[in-house]
Full PDB file with SEQRES, HELIX, SHEET, SSBOND, CRYST1, ORIGX, SCALE, CONECT and MASTER records, all heavy atoms in Angstrom:
SEQRES   1 A   34  ASN HIS HIS ILE CYS CYS SER GLY ASN PRO ASP ALA VAL          
SEQRES   2 A   34  ARG GLN ASP ALA ASN TYR GLN SER LEU PHE PRO GLN VAL          
SEQRES   3 A   34  THR PRO GLY LEU GLU GLY LEU ALA                              
HELIX    1 AA1 PRO A   10  GLN A   15  1                                   6    
HELIX    2 AA2 ALA A   17  LEU A   22  1                                   6    
CRYST1    1.000    1.000    1.000  90.00  90.00  90.00 P 1           1          
ORIGX1      1.000000  0.000000  0.000000        0.00000                         
ORIGX2      0.000000  1.000000  0.000000        0.00000                         
ORIGX3      0.000000  0.000000  1.000000        0.00000                         
SCALE1      1.000000  0.000000  0.000000        0.00000                         
SCALE2      0.000000  1.000000  0.000000        0.00000                         
SCALE3      0.000000  0.000000  1.000000        0.00000                         
ATOM      1  N   ASN A   1     -42.460 -69.440  45.577  1.00  0.00           N  
ATOM      2  CA  ASN A   1     -41.359 -70.379  45.452  1.00  0.00           C  
ATOM      3  C   ASN A   1     -40.096 -69.763  46.191  1.00  0.00           C  
ATOM      4  O   ASN A   1     -39.222 -69.243  45.588  1.00  0.00           O  
ATOM      5  CB  ASN A   1     -40.985 -70.564  43.953  1.00  0.00           C  
ATOM      6  CG  ASN A   1     -40.055 -71.680  43.789  1.00  0.00           C  
ATOM      7  OD1 ASN A   1     -39.881 -72.546  44.660  1.00  0.00           O  
ATOM      8  ND2 ASN A   1     -39.387 -71.706  42.659  1.00  0.00           N  
ATOM      9  N   HIS A   2     -40.285 -69.728  47.547  1.00  0.00           N  
ATOM     10  CA  HIS A   2     -39.412 -69.085  48.460  1.00  0.00           C  
ATOM     11  C   HIS A   2     -39.547 -67.575  48.461  1.00  0.00           C  
ATOM     12  O   HIS A   2     -39.365 -66.957  49.528  1.00  0.00           O  
ATOM     13  CB  HIS A   2     -37.939 -69.478  48.169  1.00  0.00           C  
ATOM     14  CG  HIS A   2     -37.671 -70.947  48.209  1.00  0.00           C  
ATOM     15  ND1 HIS A   2     -37.841 -71.730  49.273  1.00  0.00           N  
ATOM     16  CD2 HIS A   2     -37.351 -71.779  47.190  1.00  0.00           C  
ATOM     17  CE1 HIS A   2     -37.546 -72.964  49.032  1.00  0.00           C  
ATOM     18  NE2 HIS A   2     -37.272 -73.022  47.734  1.00  0.00           N  
ATOM     19  N   HIS A   3     -39.915 -66.968  47.347  1.00  0.00           N  
ATOM     20  CA  HIS A   3     -40.338 -65.643  47.226  1.00  0.00           C  
ATOM     21  C   HIS A   3     -41.679 -65.595  46.416  1.00  0.00           C  
ATOM     22  O   HIS A   3     -42.052 -66.624  45.966  1.00  0.00           O  
ATOM     23  CB  HIS A   3     -39.234 -64.781  46.553  1.00  0.00           C  
ATOM     24  CG  HIS A   3     -39.071 -65.113  45.155  1.00  0.00           C  
ATOM     25  ND1 HIS A   3     -38.418 -66.257  44.748  1.00  0.00           N  
ATOM     26  CD2 HIS A   3     -39.506 -64.628  43.994  1.00  0.00           C  
ATOM     27  CE1 HIS A   3     -38.410 -66.382  43.388  1.00  0.00           C  
ATOM     28  NE2 HIS A   3     -39.072 -65.311  42.970  1.00  0.00           N  
ATOM     29  N   ILE A   4     -42.262 -64.409  46.406  1.00  0.00           N  
ATOM     30  CA  ILE A   4     -43.562 -64.364  45.623  1.00  0.00           C  
ATOM     31  C   ILE A   4     -43.147 -64.068  44.222  1.00  0.00           C  
ATOM     32  O   ILE A   4     -42.555 -63.062  43.863  1.00  0.00           O  
ATOM     33  CB  ILE A   4     -44.401 -63.160  46.200  1.00  0.00           C  
ATOM     34  CG1 ILE A   4     -44.855 -63.445  47.650  1.00  0.00           C  
ATOM     35  CG2 ILE A   4     -45.543 -62.966  45.299  1.00  0.00           C  
ATOM     36  CD1 ILE A   4     -45.713 -62.366  48.246  1.00  0.00           C  
ATOM     37  N   CYS A   5     -43.461 -65.141  43.441  1.00  0.00           N  
ATOM     38  CA  CYS A   5     -43.292 -65.067  41.939  1.00  0.00           C  
ATOM     39  C   CYS A   5     -44.295 -64.166  41.218  1.00  0.00           C  
ATOM     40  O   CYS A   5     -43.872 -63.378  40.270  1.00  0.00           O  
ATOM     41  CB  CYS A   5     -43.265 -66.485  41.334  1.00  0.00           C  
ATOM     42  SG  CYS A   5     -42.165 -67.622  42.151  1.00  0.00           S  
ATOM     43  N   CYS A   6     -45.521 -64.229  41.630  1.00  0.00           N  
ATOM     44  CA  CYS A   6     -46.511 -63.460  41.112  1.00  0.00           C  
ATOM     45  C   CYS A   6     -47.833 -63.505  41.970  1.00  0.00           C  
ATOM     46  O   CYS A   6     -47.934 -64.396  42.801  1.00  0.00           O  
ATOM     47  CB  CYS A   6     -46.904 -63.876  39.653  1.00  0.00           C  
ATOM     48  SG  CYS A   6     -47.428 -65.671  39.537  1.00  0.00           S  
ATOM     49  N   SER A   7     -48.732 -62.653  41.785  1.00  0.00           N  
ATOM     50  CA  SER A   7     -49.943 -62.601  42.628  1.00  0.00           C  
ATOM     51  C   SER A   7     -51.026 -61.816  41.856  1.00  0.00           C  
ATOM     52  O   SER A   7     -50.749 -61.111  40.938  1.00  0.00           O  
ATOM     53  CB  SER A   7     -49.693 -61.926  43.921  1.00  0.00           C  
ATOM     54  OG  SER A   7     -49.346 -60.626  43.834  1.00  0.00           O  
ATOM     55  N   GLY A   8     -52.271 -62.141  42.227  1.00  0.00           N  
ATOM     56  CA  GLY A   8     -53.423 -61.492  41.552  1.00  0.00           C  
ATOM     57  C   GLY A   8     -54.626 -62.403  41.645  1.00  0.00           C  
ATOM     58  O   GLY A   8     -54.659 -63.292  42.430  1.00  0.00           O  
ATOM     59  N   ASN A   9     -55.601 -62.077  40.855  1.00  0.00           N  
ATOM     60  CA  ASN A   9     -56.804 -62.942  40.816  1.00  0.00           C  
ATOM     61  C   ASN A   9     -56.360 -64.249  40.117  1.00  0.00           C  
ATOM     62  O   ASN A   9     -55.330 -64.314  39.371  1.00  0.00           O  
ATOM     63  CB  ASN A   9     -57.923 -62.236  40.136  1.00  0.00           C  
ATOM     64  CG  ASN A   9     -57.759 -62.056  38.636  1.00  0.00           C  
ATOM     65  OD1 ASN A   9     -57.684 -62.972  37.886  1.00  0.00           O  
ATOM     66  ND2 ASN A   9     -57.872 -60.750  38.243  1.00  0.00           N  
ATOM     67  N   PRO A  10     -57.110 -65.322  40.266  1.00  0.00           N  
ATOM     68  CA  PRO A  10     -56.633 -66.623  39.818  1.00  0.00           C  
ATOM     69  C   PRO A  10     -56.378 -66.657  38.324  1.00  0.00           C  
ATOM     70  O   PRO A  10     -55.419 -67.308  37.872  1.00  0.00           O  
ATOM     71  CB  PRO A  10     -57.819 -67.528  40.223  1.00  0.00           C  
ATOM     72  CG  PRO A  10     -58.411 -66.931  41.421  1.00  0.00           C  
ATOM     73  CD  PRO A  10     -58.344 -65.428  41.150  1.00  0.00           C  
ATOM     74  N   ASP A  11     -57.204 -65.957  37.534  1.00  0.00           N  
ATOM     75  CA  ASP A  11     -57.021 -66.061  36.037  1.00  0.00           C  
ATOM     76  C   ASP A  11     -55.821 -65.282  35.647  1.00  0.00           C  
ATOM     77  O   ASP A  11     -55.050 -65.846  34.777  1.00  0.00           O  
ATOM     78  CB  ASP A  11     -58.214 -65.478  35.390  1.00  0.00           C  
ATOM     79  CG  ASP A  11     -58.359 -65.792  33.936  1.00  0.00           C  
ATOM     80  OD1 ASP A  11     -58.190 -66.970  33.533  1.00  0.00           O  
ATOM     81  OD2 ASP A  11     -58.497 -64.786  33.070  1.00  0.00           O  
ATOM     82  N   ALA A  12     -55.430 -64.204  36.308  1.00  0.00           N  
ATOM     83  CA  ALA A  12     -54.301 -63.532  35.970  1.00  0.00           C  
ATOM     84  C   ALA A  12     -52.969 -64.302  36.378  1.00  0.00           C  
ATOM     85  O   ALA A  12     -51.981 -64.309  35.654  1.00  0.00           O  
ATOM     86  CB  ALA A  12     -54.227 -62.100  36.756  1.00  0.00           C  
ATOM     87  N   VAL A  13     -53.019 -64.939  37.506  1.00  0.00           N  
ATOM     88  CA  VAL A  13     -51.894 -65.818  37.946  1.00  0.00           C  
ATOM     89  C   VAL A  13     -51.636 -66.980  36.966  1.00  0.00           C  
ATOM     90  O   VAL A  13     -50.570 -67.330  36.633  1.00  0.00           O  
ATOM     91  CB  VAL A  13     -52.094 -66.276  39.382  1.00  0.00           C  
ATOM     92  CG1 VAL A  13     -51.038 -67.399  39.711  1.00  0.00           C  
ATOM     93  CG2 VAL A  13     -51.993 -65.036  40.306  1.00  0.00           C  
ATOM     94  N   ARG A  14     -52.764 -67.584  36.559  1.00  0.00           N  
ATOM     95  CA  ARG A  14     -52.690 -68.696  35.672  1.00  0.00           C  
ATOM     96  C   ARG A  14     -51.942 -68.344  34.346  1.00  0.00           C  
ATOM     97  O   ARG A  14     -51.297 -69.150  33.715  1.00  0.00           O  
ATOM     98  CB  ARG A  14     -54.061 -69.241  35.393  1.00  0.00           C  
ATOM     99  CG  ARG A  14     -54.035 -70.542  34.538  1.00  0.00           C  
ATOM    100  CD  ARG A  14     -55.436 -71.129  34.334  1.00  0.00           C  
ATOM    101  NE  ARG A  14     -56.336 -70.170  33.639  1.00  0.00           N  
ATOM    102  CZ  ARG A  14     -57.527 -70.444  33.245  1.00  0.00           C  
ATOM    103  NH1 ARG A  14     -58.055 -71.606  33.536  1.00  0.00           N  
ATOM    104  NH2 ARG A  14     -58.242 -69.576  32.645  1.00  0.00           N  
ATOM    105  N   GLN A  15     -52.167 -67.096  33.883  1.00  0.00           N  
ATOM    106  CA  GLN A  15     -51.603 -66.643  32.605  1.00  0.00           C  
ATOM    107  C   GLN A  15     -50.232 -66.043  32.800  1.00  0.00           C  
ATOM    108  O   GLN A  15     -49.541 -65.713  31.873  1.00  0.00           O  
ATOM    109  CB  GLN A  15     -52.488 -65.615  31.995  1.00  0.00           C  
ATOM    110  CG  GLN A  15     -53.940 -66.277  31.625  1.00  0.00           C  
ATOM    111  CD  GLN A  15     -54.845 -65.220  31.003  1.00  0.00           C  
ATOM    112  OE1 GLN A  15     -54.428 -64.486  30.055  1.00  0.00           O  
ATOM    113  NE2 GLN A  15     -56.031 -65.132  31.507  1.00  0.00           N  
ATOM    114  N   ASP A  16     -49.693 -65.842  34.043  1.00  0.00           N  
ATOM    115  CA  ASP A  16     -48.480 -65.301  34.276  1.00  0.00           C  
ATOM    116  C   ASP A  16     -47.268 -66.218  33.900  1.00  0.00           C  
ATOM    117  O   ASP A  16     -47.328 -67.393  34.196  1.00  0.00           O  
ATOM    118  CB  ASP A  16     -48.293 -64.895  35.803  1.00  0.00           C  
ATOM    119  CG  ASP A  16     -47.053 -64.022  36.092  1.00  0.00           C  
ATOM    120  OD1 ASP A  16     -45.997 -64.583  36.092  1.00  0.00           O  
ATOM    121  OD2 ASP A  16     -47.267 -62.797  36.212  1.00  0.00           O  
ATOM    122  N   ALA A  17     -46.161 -65.695  33.278  1.00  0.00           N  
ATOM    123  CA  ALA A  17     -45.166 -66.518  32.841  1.00  0.00           C  
ATOM    124  C   ALA A  17     -44.437 -67.236  33.931  1.00  0.00           C  
ATOM    125  O   ALA A  17     -43.950 -68.350  33.804  1.00  0.00           O  
ATOM    126  CB  ALA A  17     -44.163 -65.640  32.041  1.00  0.00           C  
ATOM    127  N   ASN A  18     -44.397 -66.550  35.162  1.00  0.00           N  
ATOM    128  CA  ASN A  18     -43.703 -67.187  36.271  1.00  0.00           C  
ATOM    129  C   ASN A  18     -44.449 -68.383  36.756  1.00  0.00           C  
ATOM    130  O   ASN A  18     -43.848 -69.409  37.086  1.00  0.00           O  
ATOM    131  CB  ASN A  18     -43.553 -66.187  37.362  1.00  0.00           C  
ATOM    132  CG  ASN A  18     -42.570 -65.072  37.137  1.00  0.00           C  
ATOM    133  OD1 ASN A  18     -41.428 -65.311  36.843  1.00  0.00           O  
ATOM    134  ND2 ASN A  18     -43.044 -63.785  37.021  1.00  0.00           N  
ATOM    135  N   TYR A  19     -45.786 -68.210  36.783  1.00  0.00           N  
ATOM    136  CA  TYR A  19     -46.579 -69.402  37.195  1.00  0.00           C  
ATOM    137  C   TYR A  19     -46.471 -70.549  36.129  1.00  0.00           C  
ATOM    138  O   TYR A  19     -46.308 -71.700  36.543  1.00  0.00           O  
ATOM    139  CB  TYR A  19     -48.096 -68.969  37.288  1.00  0.00           C  
ATOM    140  CG  TYR A  19     -48.975 -70.183  37.336  1.00  0.00           C  
ATOM    141  CD1 TYR A  19     -49.152 -70.888  38.596  1.00  0.00           C  
ATOM    142  CD2 TYR A  19     -49.792 -70.624  36.199  1.00  0.00           C  
ATOM    143  CE1 TYR A  19     -50.039 -71.930  38.767  1.00  0.00           C  
ATOM    144  CE2 TYR A  19     -50.614 -71.719  36.353  1.00  0.00           C  
ATOM    145  CZ  TYR A  19     -50.753 -72.345  37.563  1.00  0.00           C  
ATOM    146  OH  TYR A  19     -51.580 -73.478  37.673  1.00  0.00           O  
ATOM    147  N   GLN A  20     -46.505 -70.173  34.917  1.00  0.00           N  
ATOM    148  CA  GLN A  20     -46.459 -71.231  33.835  1.00  0.00           C  
ATOM    149  C   GLN A  20     -45.085 -71.957  33.861  1.00  0.00           C  
ATOM    150  O   GLN A  20     -45.012 -73.103  33.455  1.00  0.00           O  
ATOM    151  CB  GLN A  20     -46.653 -70.579  32.472  1.00  0.00           C  
ATOM    152  CG  GLN A  20     -48.155 -70.114  32.368  1.00  0.00           C  
ATOM    153  CD  GLN A  20     -48.395 -69.364  31.016  1.00  0.00           C  
ATOM    154  OE1 GLN A  20     -47.506 -69.261  30.144  1.00  0.00           O  
ATOM    155  NE2 GLN A  20     -49.621 -68.887  30.876  1.00  0.00           N  
ATOM    156  N   SER A  21     -44.037 -71.282  34.327  1.00  0.00           N  
ATOM    157  CA  SER A  21     -42.678 -71.908  34.345  1.00  0.00           C  
ATOM    158  C   SER A  21     -42.696 -72.947  35.471  1.00  0.00           C  
ATOM    159  O   SER A  21     -41.939 -73.972  35.358  1.00  0.00           O  
ATOM    160  CB  SER A  21     -41.579 -70.883  34.427  1.00  0.00           C  
ATOM    161  OG  SER A  21     -41.639 -70.256  35.740  1.00  0.00           O  
ATOM    162  N   LEU A  22     -43.414 -72.670  36.523  1.00  0.00           N  
ATOM    163  CA  LEU A  22     -43.516 -73.599  37.669  1.00  0.00           C  
ATOM    164  C   LEU A  22     -44.436 -74.724  37.454  1.00  0.00           C  
ATOM    165  O   LEU A  22     -44.244 -75.814  37.867  1.00  0.00           O  
ATOM    166  CB  LEU A  22     -43.826 -72.828  38.963  1.00  0.00           C  
ATOM    167  CG  LEU A  22     -42.811 -71.876  39.554  1.00  0.00           C  
ATOM    168  CD1 LEU A  22     -43.353 -71.082  40.732  1.00  0.00           C  
ATOM    169  CD2 LEU A  22     -41.573 -72.633  40.044  1.00  0.00           C  
ATOM    170  N   PHE A  23     -45.489 -74.485  36.718  1.00  0.00           N  
ATOM    171  CA  PHE A  23     -46.553 -75.434  36.490  1.00  0.00           C  
ATOM    172  C   PHE A  23     -46.846 -75.448  34.992  1.00  0.00           C  
ATOM    173  O   PHE A  23     -47.829 -74.875  34.531  1.00  0.00           O  
ATOM    174  CB  PHE A  23     -47.852 -75.066  37.225  1.00  0.00           C  
ATOM    175  CG  PHE A  23     -47.659 -74.973  38.727  1.00  0.00           C  
ATOM    176  CD1 PHE A  23     -47.397 -73.738  39.276  1.00  0.00           C  
ATOM    177  CD2 PHE A  23     -47.736 -76.107  39.540  1.00  0.00           C  
ATOM    178  CE1 PHE A  23     -47.246 -73.595  40.695  1.00  0.00           C  
ATOM    179  CE2 PHE A  23     -47.627 -76.001  40.880  1.00  0.00           C  
ATOM    180  CZ  PHE A  23     -47.339 -74.769  41.486  1.00  0.00           C  
ATOM    181  N   PRO A  24     -45.984 -76.058  34.190  1.00  0.00           N  
ATOM    182  CA  PRO A  24     -46.048 -76.031  32.753  1.00  0.00           C  
ATOM    183  C   PRO A  24     -47.161 -76.752  32.134  1.00  0.00           C  
ATOM    184  O   PRO A  24     -47.617 -76.454  31.006  1.00  0.00           O  
ATOM    185  CB  PRO A  24     -44.751 -76.631  32.252  1.00  0.00           C  
ATOM    186  CG  PRO A  24     -44.343 -77.547  33.387  1.00  0.00           C  
ATOM    187  CD  PRO A  24     -44.773 -76.796  34.615  1.00  0.00           C  
ATOM    188  N   GLN A  25     -47.817 -77.664  32.895  1.00  0.00           N  
ATOM    189  CA  GLN A  25     -48.883 -78.462  32.306  1.00  0.00           C  
ATOM    190  C   GLN A  25     -50.011 -78.617  33.295  1.00  0.00           C  
ATOM    191  O   GLN A  25     -49.757 -78.768  34.508  1.00  0.00           O  
ATOM    192  CB  GLN A  25     -48.380 -79.851  31.896  1.00  0.00           C  
ATOM    193  CG  GLN A  25     -47.375 -79.868  30.758  1.00  0.00           C  
ATOM    194  CD  GLN A  25     -46.927 -81.353  30.430  1.00  0.00           C  
ATOM    195  OE1 GLN A  25     -47.072 -82.194  31.225  1.00  0.00           O  
ATOM    196  NE2 GLN A  25     -46.545 -81.439  29.190  1.00  0.00           N  
ATOM    197  N   VAL A  26     -51.234 -78.558  32.748  1.00  0.00           N  
ATOM    198  CA  VAL A  26     -52.344 -78.897  33.595  1.00  0.00           C  
ATOM    199  C   VAL A  26     -52.481 -80.402  33.782  1.00  0.00           C  
ATOM    200  O   VAL A  26     -52.211 -81.133  32.846  1.00  0.00           O  
ATOM    201  CB  VAL A  26     -53.710 -78.361  32.921  1.00  0.00           C  
ATOM    202  CG1 VAL A  26     -54.887 -78.700  33.669  1.00  0.00           C  
ATOM    203  CG2 VAL A  26     -53.494 -76.789  32.609  1.00  0.00           C  
ATOM    204  N   THR A  27     -52.840 -80.819  34.907  1.00  0.00           N  
ATOM    205  CA  THR A  27     -53.070 -82.262  35.165  1.00  0.00           C  
ATOM    206  C   THR A  27     -54.053 -82.835  34.233  1.00  0.00           C  
ATOM    207  O   THR A  27     -55.158 -82.257  34.122  1.00  0.00           O  
ATOM    208  CB  THR A  27     -53.507 -82.475  36.648  1.00  0.00           C  
ATOM    209  OG1 THR A  27     -52.550 -81.900  37.490  1.00  0.00           O  
ATOM    210  CG2 THR A  27     -53.660 -83.976  36.896  1.00  0.00           C  
ATOM    211  N   PRO A  28     -53.754 -83.938  33.452  1.00  0.00           N  
ATOM    212  CA  PRO A  28     -54.671 -84.450  32.445  1.00  0.00           C  
ATOM    213  C   PRO A  28     -56.014 -84.754  33.085  1.00  0.00           C  
ATOM    214  O   PRO A  28     -56.091 -85.322  34.241  1.00  0.00           O  
ATOM    215  CB  PRO A  28     -53.935 -85.755  32.045  1.00  0.00           C  
ATOM    216  CG  PRO A  28     -52.507 -85.474  32.263  1.00  0.00           C  
ATOM    217  CD  PRO A  28     -52.465 -84.623  33.521  1.00  0.00           C  
ATOM    218  N   GLY A  29     -57.100 -84.335  32.406  1.00  0.00           N  
ATOM    219  CA  GLY A  29     -58.395 -84.578  32.864  1.00  0.00           C  
ATOM    220  C   GLY A  29     -58.912 -83.465  33.779  1.00  0.00           C  
ATOM    221  O   GLY A  29     -60.169 -83.503  34.088  1.00  0.00           O  
ATOM    222  N   LEU A  30     -58.115 -82.516  34.156  1.00  0.00           N  
ATOM    223  CA  LEU A  30     -58.570 -81.410  35.041  1.00  0.00           C  
ATOM    224  C   LEU A  30     -58.731 -80.115  34.289  1.00  0.00           C  
ATOM    225  O   LEU A  30     -58.985 -79.051  34.963  1.00  0.00           O  
ATOM    226  CB  LEU A  30     -57.676 -81.321  36.215  1.00  0.00           C  
ATOM    227  CG  LEU A  30     -57.489 -82.516  37.155  1.00  0.00           C  
ATOM    228  CD1 LEU A  30     -56.581 -82.143  38.348  1.00  0.00           C  
ATOM    229  CD2 LEU A  30     -58.800 -83.022  37.651  1.00  0.00           C  
ATOM    230  N   GLU A  31     -58.614 -80.091  33.067  1.00  0.00           N  
ATOM    231  CA  GLU A  31     -58.503 -78.831  32.262  1.00  0.00           C  
ATOM    232  C   GLU A  31     -59.778 -77.928  32.628  1.00  0.00           C  
ATOM    233  O   GLU A  31     -59.648 -76.739  32.601  1.00  0.00           O  
ATOM    234  CB  GLU A  31     -58.400 -79.068  30.813  1.00  0.00           C  
ATOM    235  CG  GLU A  31     -57.073 -79.733  30.384  1.00  0.00           C  
ATOM    236  CD  GLU A  31     -57.155 -81.245  30.458  1.00  0.00           C  
ATOM    237  OE1 GLU A  31     -58.118 -81.792  31.088  1.00  0.00           O  
ATOM    238  OE2 GLU A  31     -56.172 -81.903  29.969  1.00  0.00           O  
ATOM    239  N   GLY A  32     -60.918 -78.599  32.672  1.00  0.00           N  
ATOM    240  CA  GLY A  32     -62.124 -77.742  32.852  1.00  0.00           C  
ATOM    241  C   GLY A  32     -62.645 -77.726  34.315  1.00  0.00           C  
ATOM    242  O   GLY A  32     -63.665 -77.275  34.502  1.00  0.00           O  
ATOM    243  N   LEU A  33     -61.860 -78.232  35.244  1.00  0.00           N  
ATOM    244  CA  LEU A  33     -62.410 -78.263  36.574  1.00  0.00           C  
ATOM    245  C   LEU A  33     -62.407 -76.934  37.295  1.00  0.00           C  
ATOM    246  O   LEU A  33     -61.508 -76.163  37.168  1.00  0.00           O  
ATOM    247  CB  LEU A  33     -61.559 -79.233  37.419  1.00  0.00           C  
ATOM    248  CG  LEU A  33     -61.961 -79.423  38.890  1.00  0.00           C  
ATOM    249  CD1 LEU A  33     -63.320 -80.204  38.838  1.00  0.00           C  
ATOM    250  CD2 LEU A  33     -60.945 -80.289  39.596  1.00  0.00           C  
ATOM    251  N   ALA A  34     -63.497 -76.646  37.976  1.00  0.00           N  
ATOM    252  CA  ALA A  34     -63.638 -75.497  38.792  1.00  0.00           C  
ATOM    253  C   ALA A  34     -63.321 -74.176  38.015  1.00  0.00           C  
ATOM    254  O   ALA A  34     -62.454 -73.453  38.380  1.00  0.00           O  
ATOM    255  CB  ALA A  34     -62.836 -75.557  40.084  1.00  0.00           C  
TER     256      ALA A  34                                                      
MASTER        0    0    0    2    0    0    0    6  255    1    0    3          
END                                                                             
């Protein structure tokens, strides 16, 4: 987000507070995708 907010393997990024503040919700219907 103009700078690197967080980085790591996908699962670690998904659980990072910085990621969650940018993407607070999973798109409905995609919770189990990939």
